[in-house]
Amino acid sequence: MNVSLALVEGSKQIWRKMEVPEGCTVNQVITMSGILEELAIGLEGREVGIHGRLAELSDTLKEGDRIEIYRPITADPATVKRRSIPTAQS
């Protein structure tokens, strides 16, 4: 079956199409891709998704699925000051 894998790391944007056996999990496809070793990164602190929805590494994939490996969160939204947007003066 055909699936794809998308990842942004630093200034690199990677999107790979892969042919994998039926019944593969998210984790198996990530491992088969070799992307983590290639970029010398791990999955610690990262979430994964399928077509923009959070997924588990154990989720089984279907034909045409796109796995996305998200960047780690670097700031806690609850503690970051809100940025004010300047308003136009009349």
C-alpha atoms as a PDB file:
ATOM      1  CA  MET A   1       0.000   0.000   0.000  1.00  0.00           C
ATOM      2  CA  ASN A   2       1.150   3.571  -0.597  1.00  0.00           C
ATOM      3  CA  VAL A   3       1.564   6.035   2.268  1.00  0.00           C
ATOM      4  CA  SER A   4       3.589   9.202   2.762  1.00  0.00           C
ATOM      5  CA  LEU A   5       5.624  10.701   5.579  1.00  0.00           C
ATOM      6  CA  ALA A   6       5.981  14.424   6.256  1.00  0.00           C
ATOM      7  CA  LEU A   7       8.388  16.139   8.646  1.00  0.00           C
ATOM      8  CA  VAL A   8       9.783  19.632   9.139  1.00  0.00           C
ATOM      9  CA  GLU A   9      13.086  19.806  10.983  1.00  0.00           C
ATOM     10  CA  GLY A  10      14.888  23.145  11.124  1.00  0.00           C
ATOM     11  CA  SER A  11      14.860  24.505   7.592  1.00  0.00           C
ATOM     12  CA  LYS A  12      14.333  21.063   6.018  1.00  0.00           C
ATOM     13  CA  GLN A  13      10.922  20.016   4.778  1.00  0.00           C
ATOM     14  CA  ILE A  14      10.723  16.332   3.973  1.00  0.00           C
ATOM     15  CA  TRP A  15       7.894  14.484   2.286  1.00  0.00           C
ATOM     16  CA  ARG A  16       8.436  10.879   1.274  1.00  0.00           C
ATOM     17  CA  LYS A  17       6.137   8.528  -0.556  1.00  0.00           C
ATOM     18  CA  MET A  18       6.591   4.927   0.500  1.00  0.00           C
ATOM     19  CA  GLU A  19       5.211   1.557  -0.456  1.00  0.00           C
ATOM     20  CA  VAL A  20       4.685  -0.550   2.669  1.00  0.00           C
ATOM     21  CA  PRO A  21       2.982  -3.854   3.525  1.00  0.00           C
ATOM     22  CA  GLU A  22      -0.715  -3.854   4.463  1.00  0.00           C
ATOM     23  CA  GLY A  23      -1.366  -3.527   8.197  1.00  0.00           C
ATOM     24  CA  CYS A  24       1.712  -1.420   8.993  1.00  0.00           C
ATOM     25  CA  THR A  25       1.599   0.854  12.011  1.00  0.00           C
ATOM     26  CA  VAL A  26       2.731   4.465  12.203  1.00  0.00           C
ATOM     27  CA  ASN A  27       5.802   3.394  14.174  1.00  0.00           C
ATOM     28  CA  GLN A  28       6.753   0.702  11.655  1.00  0.00           C
ATOM     29  CA  VAL A  29       6.617   3.145   8.727  1.00  0.00           C
ATOM     30  CA  ILE A  30       8.661   5.761  10.596  1.00  0.00           C
ATOM     31  CA  THR A  31      11.251   3.079  11.383  1.00  0.00           C
ATOM     32  CA  MET A  32      11.282   1.772   7.782  1.00  0.00           C
ATOM     33  CA  SER A  33      11.760   5.301   6.424  1.00  0.00           C
ATOM     34  CA  GLY A  34      15.045   5.769   8.296  1.00  0.00           C
ATOM     35  CA  ILE A  35      14.203   9.463   8.710  1.00  0.00           C
ATOM     36  CA  LEU A  36      14.994   9.620  12.431  1.00  0.00           C
ATOM     37  CA  GLU A  37      18.482   8.221  11.926  1.00  0.00           C
ATOM     38  CA  GLU A  38      19.062  10.380   8.842  1.00  0.00           C
ATOM     39  CA  LEU A  39      18.294  13.578  10.747  1.00  0.00           C
ATOM     40  CA  ALA A  40      19.718  12.307  14.069  1.00  0.00           C
ATOM     41  CA  ILE A  41      16.479  13.065  15.915  1.00  0.00           C
ATOM     42  CA  GLY A  42      14.120  11.095  18.125  1.00  0.00           C
ATOM     43  CA  LEU A  43      10.398  11.089  18.756  1.00  0.00           C
ATOM     44  CA  GLU A  44      10.751  12.263  22.369  1.00  0.00           C
ATOM     45  CA  GLY A  45       8.587  15.340  22.913  1.00  0.00           C
ATOM     46  CA  ARG A  46       6.981  15.000  19.496  1.00  0.00           C
ATOM     47  CA  GLU A  47       3.472  14.084  18.474  1.00  0.00           C
ATOM     48  CA  VAL A  48       2.514  12.234  15.318  1.00  0.00           C
ATOM     49  CA  GLY A  49      -0.578  12.548  13.214  1.00  0.00           C
ATOM     50  CA  ILE A  50      -2.372  11.148  10.215  1.00  0.00           C
ATOM     51  CA  HIS A  51      -3.803  13.752   7.840  1.00  0.00           C
ATOM     52  CA  GLY A  52      -3.642  16.499  10.502  1.00  0.00           C
ATOM     53  CA  ARG A  53      -5.204  14.508  13.350  1.00  0.00           C
ATOM     54  CA  LEU A  54      -3.208  13.285  16.314  1.00  0.00           C
ATOM     55  CA  ALA A  55      -2.418   9.584  16.142  1.00  0.00           C
ATOM     56  CA  GLU A  56      -0.699   6.919  18.196  1.00  0.00           C
ATOM     57  CA  LEU A  57       2.449   5.127  17.072  1.00  0.00           C
ATOM     58  CA  SER A  58       0.452   1.885  17.240  1.00  0.00           C
ATOM     59  CA  ASP A  59      -2.286   3.076  14.847  1.00  0.00           C
ATOM     60  CA  THR A  60      -2.687   0.957  11.712  1.00  0.00           C
ATOM     61  CA  LEU A  61      -2.437   2.791   8.404  1.00  0.00           C
ATOM     62  CA  LYS A  62      -4.662   2.679   5.346  1.00  0.00           C
ATOM     63  CA  GLU A  63      -3.863   3.221   1.671  1.00  0.00           C
ATOM     64  CA  GLY A  64      -3.023   6.870   0.996  1.00  0.00           C
ATOM     65  CA  ASP A  65      -2.467   7.892   4.636  1.00  0.00           C
ATOM     66  CA  ARG A  66       0.014  10.702   5.325  1.00  0.00           C
ATOM     67  CA  ILE A  67       1.988  10.402   8.554  1.00  0.00           C
ATOM     68  CA  GLU A  68       3.083  13.720  10.011  1.00  0.00           C
ATOM     69  CA  ILE A  69       5.796  14.074  12.643  1.00  0.00           C
ATOM     70  CA  TYR A  70       5.244  17.338  14.491  1.00  0.00           C
ATOM     71  CA  ARG A  71       7.913  19.563  16.005  1.00  0.00           C
ATOM     72  CA  PRO A  72       8.235  19.603  19.793  1.00  0.00           C
ATOM     73  CA  ILE A  73       6.435  22.403  21.598  1.00  0.00           C
ATOM     74  CA  THR A  74       9.064  24.908  22.713  1.00  0.00           C
ATOM     75  CA  ALA A  75       6.848  27.263  24.705  1.00  0.00           C
ATOM     76  CA  ASP A  76       3.909  26.647  27.027  1.00  0.00           C
ATOM     77  CA  PRO A  77       0.972  28.571  25.547  1.00  0.00           C
ATOM     78  CA  ALA A  78      -0.505  29.007  29.038  1.00  0.00           C
ATOM     79  CA  THR A  79       2.536  30.915  30.274  1.00  0.00           C
ATOM     80  CA  VAL A  80       3.501  32.902  27.173  1.00  0.00           C
ATOM     81  CA  LYS A  81       2.349  36.521  27.237  1.00  0.00           C
ATOM     82  CA  ARG A  82      -0.248  37.328  24.654  1.00  0.00           C
ATOM     83  CA  ARG A  83       1.136  39.328  21.786  1.00  0.00           C
ATOM     84  CA  SER A  84      -0.843  42.485  21.236  1.00  0.00           C
ATOM     85  CA  ILE A  85      -1.819  43.319  17.705  1.00  0.00           C
ATOM     86  CA  PRO A  86      -1.499  47.007  16.942  1.00  0.00           C
ATOM     87  CA  THR A  87      -4.760  48.615  15.953  1.00  0.00           C
ATOM     88  CA  ALA A  88      -5.144  51.407  13.445  1.00  0.00           C
ATOM     89  CA  GLN A  89      -5.693  54.827  14.986  1.00  0.00           C
ATOM     90  CA  SER A  90      -8.664  56.760  13.551  1.00  0.00           C
END
